[in-house]
Structures are given as C-alpha cells and as structure tokens.
Protein backbone atom coordinates (compact mmCIF):
# COMPACT_ATOMS: atom_id res chain seq x y z
CA MET A 1 144.58 184.09 429.71
CA LYS A 2 144.58 180.77 431.50
CA LYS A 3 143.58 177.62 429.67
CA VAL A 4 140.03 176.54 430.43
CA THR A 5 140.03 173.25 432.33
CA LEU A 6 137.31 170.66 432.70
CA TRP A 7 136.92 171.05 436.44
CA MET A 8 136.35 174.82 436.22
CA LEU A 9 132.80 174.36 435.01
CA ALA A 10 130.81 175.64 437.94
CA TRP A 11 130.97 176.98 441.45
CA THR A 12 128.92 176.42 444.53
CA LEU A 13 127.98 178.75 447.32
CA ALA A 14 128.76 177.67 450.84
CA LEU A 15 126.14 176.80 453.32
CA PRO A 16 124.39 178.80 456.01
CA SER A 17 123.62 182.50 456.22
CA LEU A 18 123.56 184.82 459.19
CA ALA A 19 120.53 187.03 458.71
CA GLN A 20 121.65 189.44 461.40
CA ILE A 21 124.67 190.47 459.32
CA THR A 22 123.64 192.57 456.34
CA GLY A 23 125.06 194.97 453.78
CA THR A 24 128.77 195.48 453.44
CA GLU A 25 129.28 194.21 457.01
CA ALA A 26 128.35 190.79 455.67
CA VAL A 27 130.90 191.11 452.85
CA ASP A 28 133.49 192.06 455.46
CA GLU A 29 132.60 188.98 457.51
CA PHE A 30 132.77 186.85 454.36
CA MET A 31 136.33 188.05 453.79
CA ASN A 32 137.16 187.52 457.47
CA ARG A 33 136.32 183.85 457.05
CA LEU A 34 138.35 183.53 453.87
CA GLU A 35 141.31 185.14 455.62
CA THR A 36 140.97 183.10 458.83
CA HIS A 37 140.95 179.84 456.90
CA ASP A 38 143.65 180.99 454.45
CA ARG A 39 141.35 180.44 451.45
CA TRP A 40 141.83 183.58 449.41
CA MET A 41 144.25 186.45 448.89
CA GLY A 42 143.34 189.60 447.04
CA SER A 43 141.39 192.83 447.01
CA MET A 44 137.76 193.80 446.40
CA ALA A 45 135.96 197.08 445.73
CA ILE A 46 132.24 197.82 445.47
CA ALA A 47 131.02 201.15 444.08
CA GLU A 48 127.46 202.44 444.17
CA ASN A 49 126.47 205.56 442.21
CA GLY A 50 130.16 206.17 441.61
CA ASP A 51 131.16 206.08 445.29
CA VAL A 52 133.22 203.26 446.77
CA VAL A 53 131.09 201.76 449.55
CA PHE A 54 133.35 198.82 450.34
CA GLN A 55 137.05 198.22 449.84
CA ARG A 56 139.33 195.67 451.46
CA ALA A 57 142.43 193.58 450.79
CA ILE A 58 143.56 190.38 452.51
CA GLY A 59 146.57 188.13 452.11
CA TYR A 60 150.02 189.00 450.88
CA GLN A 61 151.61 191.07 448.17
CA ASN A 62 154.82 189.10 448.75
CA ALA A 63 154.23 186.00 450.89
CA ALA A 64 157.91 185.10 451.23
CA GLU A 65 158.59 188.45 452.90
CA ASN A 66 155.29 188.48 454.83
CA GLN A 67 154.43 191.73 453.06
CA PRO A 68 150.65 192.20 453.34
CA ALA A 69 148.47 193.38 450.48
CA ASP A 70 146.48 196.57 450.82
CA THR A 71 143.86 198.34 448.73
CA ASP A 72 146.60 200.04 446.69
CA THR A 73 148.16 196.74 445.65
CA ARG A 74 148.16 196.36 441.88
CA TYR A 75 147.17 193.08 440.26
CA ARG A 76 147.47 191.53 436.82
CA VAL A 77 143.82 191.39 435.75
CA GLY A 78 144.19 188.87 432.91
CA SER A 79 141.39 188.83 430.38
CA ILE A 80 139.64 191.87 431.82
CA SER A 81 142.29 193.48 429.58
CA LYS A 82 140.07 192.53 426.67
CA MET A 83 137.47 195.08 427.77
CA PHE A 84 140.09 197.82 427.51
CA THR A 85 141.19 196.53 424.09
CA ALA A 86 137.59 196.45 422.87
CA VAL A 87 137.06 200.05 424.00
CA LEU A 88 140.22 201.18 422.21
CA THR A 89 139.02 199.38 419.08
CA PHE A 90 135.66 201.14 419.14
CA GLN A 91 137.46 204.44 419.68
CA ALA A 92 139.43 203.72 416.51
CA ILE A 93 136.16 202.95 414.74
CA GLU A 94 134.73 206.29 415.88
CA ALA A 95 137.88 207.99 414.53
CA GLY A 96 137.21 206.40 411.12
CA LYS A 97 140.42 204.37 411.10
CA VAL A 98 138.78 200.96 410.93
CA SER A 99 135.31 199.39 411.01
CA LEU A 100 133.73 196.21 412.34
CA SER A 101 133.58 194.92 408.76
CA THR A 102 137.25 195.63 407.97
CA THR A 103 138.95 192.40 406.94
CA LEU A 104 142.47 191.45 407.93
CA GLU A 105 144.31 190.68 404.69
CA THR A 106 145.94 194.12 404.60
CA TYR A 107 147.23 193.88 408.16
CA PHE A 108 147.92 190.16 408.58
CA PRO A 109 148.22 188.67 405.07
CA GLU A 110 149.85 185.45 406.31
CA LEU A 111 146.89 184.64 408.55
CA PRO A 112 144.71 181.79 407.22
CA HIS A 113 141.35 183.12 405.94
CA ALA A 114 142.51 186.72 406.57
CA ALA A 115 140.23 188.03 403.80
CA ASP A 116 137.22 186.44 405.50
CA ILE A 117 137.96 187.51 409.07
CA THR A 118 136.74 190.92 410.20
CA VAL A 119 137.63 193.16 413.11
CA GLY A 120 134.16 192.41 414.47
CA MET A 121 134.95 188.69 414.47
CA LEU A 122 138.11 189.28 416.48
CA LEU A 123 136.10 191.21 419.06
CA HIS A 124 133.32 188.62 419.09
CA HIS A 125 135.48 185.49 419.27
CA ASN A 126 134.05 183.99 416.09
CA SER A 127 137.11 184.33 413.86
CA GLY A 128 138.11 180.67 414.06
CA ILE A 129 141.70 181.65 414.90
CA PHE A 130 143.37 179.08 417.14
CA SER A 131 144.08 180.35 420.65
CA MET A 132 147.80 180.49 421.28
CA THR A 133 147.29 179.68 424.99
CA SER A 134 146.04 176.24 423.91
CA LEU A 135 149.38 175.35 422.35
CA THR A 136 150.79 172.29 424.12
CA ASP A 137 154.12 174.01 424.72
CA TYR A 138 152.65 177.36 425.83
CA LEU A 139 153.91 177.17 429.41
CA GLN A 140 157.41 176.38 428.16
CA TRP A 141 157.84 179.78 426.46
CA SER A 142 155.20 182.09 427.94
CA ASP A 143 157.55 183.28 430.70
CA GLU A 144 160.12 184.49 428.16
CA PRO A 145 160.07 187.71 426.09
CA GLN A 146 158.47 187.23 422.68
CA SER A 147 158.96 189.50 419.70
CA ARG A 148 155.98 190.39 417.55
CA GLU A 149 157.48 188.31 414.76
CA ASP A 150 157.87 185.23 416.96
CA LEU A 151 154.42 185.49 418.51
CA TYR A 152 152.77 186.19 415.17
CA GLY A 153 154.46 183.09 413.77
CA LYS A 154 153.01 180.94 416.53
CA ILE A 155 149.52 182.23 415.68
CA VAL A 156 149.58 182.00 411.89
CA ASP A 157 151.21 178.56 411.88
CA GLN A 158 148.18 176.97 413.53
CA LYS A 159 145.32 175.36 411.67
CA PRO A 160 142.09 177.37 412.14
CA SER A 161 139.73 175.97 414.74
CA PHE A 162 136.72 176.53 412.46
CA THR A 163 135.51 178.53 409.46
CA PRO A 164 135.25 182.27 410.23
CA GLY A 165 131.77 183.14 411.48
CA GLU A 166 130.74 179.50 411.94
CA LYS A 167 130.49 179.70 415.75
CA HIS A 168 131.89 181.47 418.80
CA GLU A 169 134.90 180.10 420.65
CA TYR A 170 137.19 181.95 423.04
CA SER A 171 140.61 182.73 421.60
CA ASN A 172 143.28 184.90 423.18
CA SER A 173 144.91 185.24 419.76
CA ASN A 174 142.01 187.46 418.65
CA TYR A 175 142.94 190.18 421.11
CA VAL A 176 146.69 189.88 420.54
CA LEU A 177 145.98 190.61 416.86
CA LEU A 178 143.74 193.53 417.86
CA THR A 179 146.64 194.91 419.92
CA TRP A 180 148.92 194.98 416.87
CA LEU A 181 146.14 196.29 414.62
CA LEU A 182 145.56 199.22 416.98
CA GLU A 183 149.27 199.99 417.15
CA ASP A 184 149.52 199.97 413.36
CA ILE A 185 146.51 202.14 412.59
CA GLN A 186 147.12 204.57 415.48
CA ASN A 187 150.89 204.67 414.90
CA THR A 188 151.69 204.40 418.60
CA SER A 189 152.12 201.73 421.27
CA PHE A 190 149.24 199.96 422.95
CA ALA A 191 150.58 201.15 426.31
CA THR A 192 150.32 204.76 425.13
CA LEU A 193 146.79 204.25 423.79
CA LEU A 194 145.71 202.74 427.10
CA GLN A 195 147.08 205.69 429.06
CA ARG A 196 146.06 208.46 426.68
CA ASP A 197 142.58 207.32 425.73
CA ILE A 198 141.31 205.49 428.82
CA ALA A 199 143.39 205.91 431.97
CA GLU A 200 144.00 209.66 431.78
CA PRO A 201 140.43 210.70 430.80
CA LEU A 202 139.01 208.65 433.69
CA GLY A 203 141.75 209.49 436.19
CA LEU A 204 142.92 205.89 436.58
CA GLU A 205 146.23 206.20 438.43
CA ASP A 206 146.87 202.47 438.95
CA THR A 207 145.98 201.11 435.51
CA TYR A 208 148.58 200.48 432.81
CA LEU A 209 150.06 197.84 430.52
CA GLY A 210 152.29 195.54 432.54
CA GLY A 211 155.97 194.83 432.01
CA ASP A 212 158.42 193.00 434.24
CA LEU A 213 156.79 192.35 437.59
CA ASN A 214 157.71 195.30 439.80
CA LEU A 215 157.16 194.92 443.55
CA SER A 216 158.46 198.43 444.19
CA ALA A 217 155.52 199.75 442.12
CA HIS A 218 153.10 197.99 444.50
CA GLU A 219 152.60 195.05 442.16
CA CYS A 220 152.39 191.55 443.62
CA TYR A 221 153.30 187.94 443.01
CA SER A 222 150.64 185.30 442.43
CA TYR A 223 150.34 181.96 444.18
CA SER A 224 148.85 178.48 444.00
CA TYR A 225 148.13 176.32 447.02
CA ALA A 226 149.50 172.86 447.78
CA GLY A 227 149.66 172.67 451.56
CA ASP A 228 151.11 176.17 451.49
CA TRP A 229 151.12 179.13 449.10
CA ASN A 230 153.69 178.61 446.34
CA GLN A 231 154.75 181.42 444.01
CA GLU A 232 153.45 180.95 440.46
CA GLN A 233 155.32 181.28 437.21
CA VAL A 234 155.34 184.85 435.90
CA THR A 235 154.11 185.23 432.32
CA ASP A 236 156.14 187.72 430.29
CA MET A 237 153.81 190.56 429.37
CA SER A 238 155.05 190.58 425.77
CA VAL A 239 152.88 187.48 425.36
CA PRO A 240 149.30 188.41 426.41
CA LEU A 241 149.41 192.11 425.38
CA GLY A 242 145.84 193.42 424.96
CA ALA A 243 144.46 189.96 425.70
CA GLY A 244 145.72 189.86 429.26
CA ALA A 245 148.58 192.22 430.18
CA VAL A 246 146.76 195.09 431.92
CA ILE A 247 147.56 195.84 435.57
CA SER A 248 145.03 197.59 437.78
CA THR A 249 143.31 197.76 441.17
CA PRO A 250 139.69 196.86 441.91
CA SER A 251 138.84 200.49 442.67
CA ASP A 252 140.26 201.63 439.32
CA LEU A 253 138.29 198.89 437.58
CA THR A 254 135.01 200.13 439.06
CA VAL A 255 135.75 203.62 437.71
CA PHE A 256 136.60 202.19 434.28
CA ILE A 257 133.43 200.14 433.85
CA ARG A 258 131.16 202.89 435.15
CA GLY A 259 132.82 205.36 432.78
CA LEU A 260 132.22 202.93 429.94
CA PHE A 261 128.51 202.61 430.72
CA GLN A 262 128.16 206.37 431.19
CA GLU A 263 129.46 206.76 427.62
CA LYS A 264 132.58 208.65 428.69
CA LEU A 265 134.75 206.44 426.48
CA ILE A 266 132.66 205.38 423.47
CA GLN A 267 129.29 206.26 421.98
CA LYS A 268 126.09 204.54 423.10
CA LYS A 269 125.72 202.63 419.84
CA HIS A 270 129.15 201.09 420.31
CA LEU A 271 128.46 200.19 423.93
CA GLU A 272 125.36 198.45 422.60
CA ALA A 273 127.57 196.68 420.06
CA MET A 274 129.76 195.41 422.90
CA MET A 275 126.55 194.09 424.49
CA ASP A 276 125.43 192.24 421.37
CA PHE A 277 125.47 188.76 422.89
CA GLN A 278 125.57 185.75 420.61
CA ASP A 279 126.10 182.28 422.03
CA GLY A 280 126.88 184.09 425.29
CA TYR A 281 129.66 186.20 423.76
CA GLY A 282 129.63 189.98 423.53
CA LYS A 283 132.38 192.04 421.96
CA GLY A 284 134.89 192.23 424.77
CA MET A 285 132.14 191.62 427.30
CA PHE A 286 130.12 188.87 428.98
CA ARG A 287 127.06 188.97 431.22
CA TYR A 288 126.55 187.23 434.53
CA ALA A 289 123.20 186.46 436.13
CA MET A 290 122.73 188.17 439.50
CA GLY A 291 119.32 187.29 440.88
CA ASP A 292 116.81 188.92 438.52
CA SER A 293 119.50 191.18 437.04
CA TYR A 294 122.65 190.90 434.97
CA ALA A 295 126.13 192.18 435.64
CA TYR A 296 128.05 193.08 432.48
CA GLY A 297 131.80 192.76 432.41
CA HIS A 298 134.57 190.18 432.20
CA THR A 299 136.61 187.74 434.25
CA GLY A 300 140.34 187.26 434.10
CA GLY A 301 143.00 184.70 434.89
CA ILE A 302 146.75 184.68 434.33
CA ASP A 303 149.32 182.65 436.27
CA GLY A 304 147.84 182.53 439.80
CA PHE A 305 145.85 185.75 439.34
CA THR A 306 142.08 185.68 438.93
CA SER A 307 139.74 188.66 438.59
CA PHE A 308 136.13 189.71 438.14
CA LEU A 309 134.62 192.98 436.95
CA GLY A 310 130.89 193.53 436.63
CA TYR A 311 128.44 196.43 436.38
CA LEU A 312 124.71 196.40 437.09
CA PRO A 313 123.32 199.34 435.08
CA ASP A 314 119.90 199.54 436.74
CA ALA A 315 121.44 199.76 440.21
CA ASP A 316 124.51 201.75 439.13
CA VAL A 317 126.67 199.25 441.02
CA ALA A 318 130.16 198.11 440.06
CA ILE A 319 131.83 195.10 441.67
CA ALA A 320 135.50 194.32 441.10
CA LEU A 321 137.93 191.92 442.68
CA SER A 322 141.42 190.68 441.95
CA SER A 323 143.02 187.69 443.62
CA ASN A 324 146.65 186.63 443.61
CA GLY A 325 145.96 183.32 445.30
CA ALA A 326 142.71 181.42 445.71
CA ARG A 327 141.32 178.12 446.84
CA TYR A 328 137.81 179.51 446.98
CA ASP A 329 135.96 180.59 443.87
CA ASN A 330 135.70 184.33 443.22
CA MET A 331 132.05 184.09 442.25
CA GLY A 332 131.03 183.13 445.76
CA LEU A 333 132.39 186.47 446.94
CA VAL A 334 130.84 188.34 443.99
CA VAL A 335 127.40 186.89 444.71
CA ALA A 336 127.79 187.79 448.39
CA ALA A 337 128.44 191.39 447.36
CA TYR A 338 125.33 191.40 445.17
CA GLN A 339 123.24 189.88 447.95
CA ALA A 340 124.52 192.49 450.39
CA LEU A 341 123.71 195.44 448.15
CA SER A 342 120.28 194.11 447.19
CA GLY A 343 119.25 193.74 450.83
CA GLY A 344 119.18 189.96 450.80
CA GLU A 345 120.70 187.48 453.20
CA VAL A 346 124.36 186.81 452.52
CA ASN A 347 125.47 183.20 452.34
CA LEU A 348 128.59 182.99 454.50
CA PRO A 349 131.06 180.16 453.95
CA GLU A 350 131.82 177.49 456.52
CA PHE A 351 135.01 175.50 456.22
CA SER A 352 135.71 172.05 457.58
CA THR A 353 138.34 171.58 460.27
CA TYR A 354 138.51 167.82 459.65
CA THR A 355 142.11 166.62 459.44
CA VAL A 356 143.77 163.48 458.10
CA ALA A 357 147.28 162.36 459.04
CA GLU A 358 149.68 162.25 456.11
CA ALA A 359 150.29 158.53 456.66
CA ASP A 360 146.56 157.90 456.24
CA LEU A 361 146.54 159.61 452.85
CA GLU A 362 148.56 156.77 451.32
CA GLN A 363 145.46 154.61 450.98
CA TYR A 364 144.06 157.00 448.37
CA LEU A 365 147.15 157.30 446.15
CA GLY A 366 147.18 155.98 442.60
CA VAL A 367 145.83 156.46 439.10
CA TYR A 368 142.06 156.22 438.68
CA ALA A 369 140.28 155.55 435.36
CA SER A 370 136.61 155.74 434.38
CA GLU A 371 134.48 154.03 431.77
CA ASP A 372 132.44 157.22 431.44
CA ILE A 373 135.10 159.75 430.41
CA PRO A 374 138.56 159.44 428.80
CA LEU A 375 140.35 161.37 431.57
CA LYS A 376 142.43 159.65 434.20
CA ILE A 377 142.85 161.11 437.69
CA THR A 378 146.21 160.80 439.42
CA VAL A 379 146.03 161.18 443.20
CA PHE A 380 149.25 161.97 445.07
CA VAL A 381 150.61 163.78 448.12
CA ASP A 382 152.52 167.03 447.90
CA SER A 383 153.79 168.88 450.98
CA GLY A 384 151.45 166.89 453.19
CA SER A 385 148.33 167.65 451.14
CA LEU A 386 146.30 165.28 448.97
CA MET A 387 146.37 166.40 445.36
CA ALA A 388 144.53 165.32 442.21
CA GLN A 389 145.44 165.86 438.59
CA ALA A 390 143.35 165.02 435.55
CA THR A 391 145.02 164.10 432.26
CA GLY A 392 146.54 167.19 430.65
CA GLN A 393 145.37 169.54 433.42
CA SER A 394 146.83 171.30 436.42
CA ALA A 395 146.90 169.61 439.80
CA PHE A 396 144.47 170.82 442.47
CA PRO A 397 144.27 170.21 446.25
CA LEU A 398 141.70 167.93 447.85
CA GLU A 399 140.84 169.03 451.37
CA PRO A 400 139.33 166.58 453.88
CA THR A 401 135.74 167.17 454.98
CA ALA A 402 134.89 163.80 456.56
CA GLU A 403 136.16 160.22 456.59
CA HIS A 404 137.21 159.31 453.03
CA LYS A 405 135.62 162.54 451.76
CA PHE A 406 137.45 165.51 450.26
CA ALA A 407 136.54 168.69 448.41
CA PHE A 408 137.94 171.29 446.03
CA ASP A 409 135.81 174.37 446.67
CA MET A 410 137.20 176.36 443.72
CA ALA A 411 135.34 174.09 441.32
CA GLY A 412 132.60 172.73 443.56
CA ILE A 413 134.12 169.25 443.42
CA GLU A 414 133.59 166.55 446.04
CA ALA A 415 135.68 163.38 446.05
CA GLU A 416 134.54 160.24 447.86
CA PHE A 417 137.05 157.40 448.16
CA ASN A 418 136.35 153.77 448.98
CA PRO A 419 139.77 152.31 449.81
CA GLU A 420 138.41 148.76 450.23
CA GLU A 421 137.03 148.76 446.70
CA ASN A 422 139.85 150.92 445.25
CA SER A 423 137.26 153.32 443.88
CA LEU A 424 136.65 157.05 443.69
CA VAL A 425 133.53 159.08 442.92
CA LEU A 426 133.95 162.67 441.76
CA ILE A 427 130.81 164.75 442.29
CA GLN A 428 130.16 168.11 440.63
CA ASN A 429 126.85 169.88 440.13
CA GLY A 430 125.10 166.95 441.76
CA SER A 431 126.40 164.45 439.19
CA GLY A 432 128.93 161.75 440.04
CA ILE A 433 131.53 160.01 437.89
CA ASN A 434 132.86 156.62 439.03
CA PHE A 435 136.57 155.86 438.87
CA THR A 436 138.50 152.68 439.68
CA LYS A 437 142.13 152.55 440.73
CA GLU A 438 144.31 150.94 438.09
C-alpha cells in the first residue's frame, strides 16, 4: 500500500560469500548478521514440498517494551492482500456471480468510465482508476476510520490516470473496489469471505482481515530507522481493505500460496488467468526472477511493514517473509533463501563499522540540486544520524562507509560528498547523478 518512491528502484546484494556455509544454515547466518547489526526485524519461513524447512524471527514485536518477535508474531502483509482478493474474485467467477468481462456501471455508477471498466481490468491494474494512496493528503487521513461512502468519494472524485485498457499501472483503488464488489455480490463481509473461503479450507489460523492493531493477539508495531527504531504511523484498516489489510504469518503465507498452486482454492484455468502477465502485471500476482526460474507471488508494504511471498512451482518451494522494520532490502534475504535451496553459494552481507562524529556531519548539511533531474535532496541530521530526503518523498538514513561516503542499503544507494566543492554524487545501479549544494 505504500507509495512507490524514486529511490526504491533496485536492490543490491552484499559482498562476499562463505562457501562452507550452505543450505538453511546459510540463511540462519544471514539473519544472524542482520540481527547483530540491527538491520532488519521480522520473520521468515521457507517451505519445501509443503514442509517448513526453515523458520525464524528476529527483532521486536514491541520495541518500547523490549518484547521480542517470534515465529507466531502476526504482521500486516500489505499488498500481498491483493492475492487473497484476487482468489476470492475468481471464486465468485466460478460461482457464476460475476465474470472478468463484467463492467462496473451497475455497482459503481459514479465512477468515471464505469461502463468501460471490467472486473478483469481491476484485477490486472489496467482500469485507469487513480490510486488513492497517491493523493497528496493521504497520510493526513489514512490513520483515521473511513466509511465506505467517504472512501468511495475520494476514489470517484479523481480524474482517471488513463483510458481503461490503455496500459497497466498499479492502483490500490482497484482492489478496494473489488472488496466492495465481493461484499455486494456475496452479501457478506470481506472478513467473512476471507475466513470462510480461504483461511478455514487451508487451516490458516493466523490469517484474517486486520482491525485496530492488537498486541494481545500477537500482532506487532512497525518501525522506521533514524538512529534508532521509531514506531510508525498505524494505518486504519478501513482504508486498505482487500488492497492491503490482511494480517498473517510467513508460515501461513507459504500454506496459502502452495494451496493456490495446487488448485485447492480455484480452478487451474483461473490460476493461469492470474498468471497472464502483461507489461509485468498478472491478475493479483507478479513474477520474480530467481536464477533460471521464476517465483510467483506478491510483495507488500504498509506503514513500516514490508513483505514478500513467492512460490517456485517446479521446485515446490514457497518463500515468505514479513518485516516490521528494515534498513536492508527484503530481496537480499529472499535471494539468499533461493541460493540456499538450490545448492548455490549464499552471498552473506557485510556491514561497515565506520563511524563519523555528529559534529563532523555538519559539513554535509544543506539542500542539493541537480541539472539532470528536477528533484532536490535535503541532507540533515536527526538523532545523530545523517538523513536525506528527496522532494516529495520520505526521508532515509545515510550510513557512513568511508570518509565522505555513505550508503542506504535498502535502495542500493551510495552517496559521495565533496565538502570542499559543496557537491554530492548519488550512485544507484552503477549510474551517478551530480548535485550541488544551493
């Protein structure tokens, strides 16, 4: 559910590998390093042939109370919710209550181009409906309860992003509308559908539609890092609904995706429809390159939570993780899991111990502009840590790696300052952008 930001374009794997550590032992060592250097909090599960072969949690469920997370901790999985919503939609199709070609004018007559937008377009992200999470004031109201009427108004009042069917573009509004459509045609709540038609048949005991955050139910807070872990804003679950409000555990998620691919939830032809990739988009599903194979699934992000769920059909392997605080990209850990299970060497991360006194950070502070891109970068200190913030985006920490050099591992960003020339070079994917202090 999070807004997509410019710096979240790619990730990089860390450096050397230890060939003597293989299999799930290497994944365990990978997580040891993340925990030792306070880079990641969350839980991971790997299942092979339906059996969990690795499961571990690190970090905190409630950092303020020093309450550690464990493998039963429940996380908000963000947009992985869309996979559940897509499955429920195909179940409704199989029940004859709707079809992929059903248009929306009967259900949402106020929606622009409703007569031209189909259920299939909602699933496939080519409806042209503006994503409500891109509203400039989204963060000002997303932590407050929203009625269907209020949320619907925010969606229909926006100008369409493009003509229906013209292209594919991610929109959380698509899956909020699917939530309401399912409730209307099934005459019951989305929460009930999720339990009755997915969780109960598969025996998922820790998967449900979220409400108020409930620590007593083994749920957890989420965090962002700025010198220390700071508790994130809590989105009210009346906002994301079937686009991002599901709560689960990594082990439950592995059971869900394997059940989906074993056709325990929908027919083969509809699983194939979910896997109809156009411009990289499936219907409630994406695919991720893993060596010579693909993992099929979804990622998620809401508040400080980030998640990954993927299934490799040929190997009958499911990989799931949920994080409630990260300054290391999830995909590095996912790839390590794949490398471990495929018998390859696992790339283990190494983290710099280079330190810079807070007084020495002052030489980098200021606003930097570039002739190459319209964004400006503001560099400042927060709680003793150097931070950077691009125009209209969230701030992120810059961690020292060498003299005048910093990095943000989550996005594979390197920052090189030249205080004498008042300049900054941001490097990502091997390409650098030059900035000058104003």
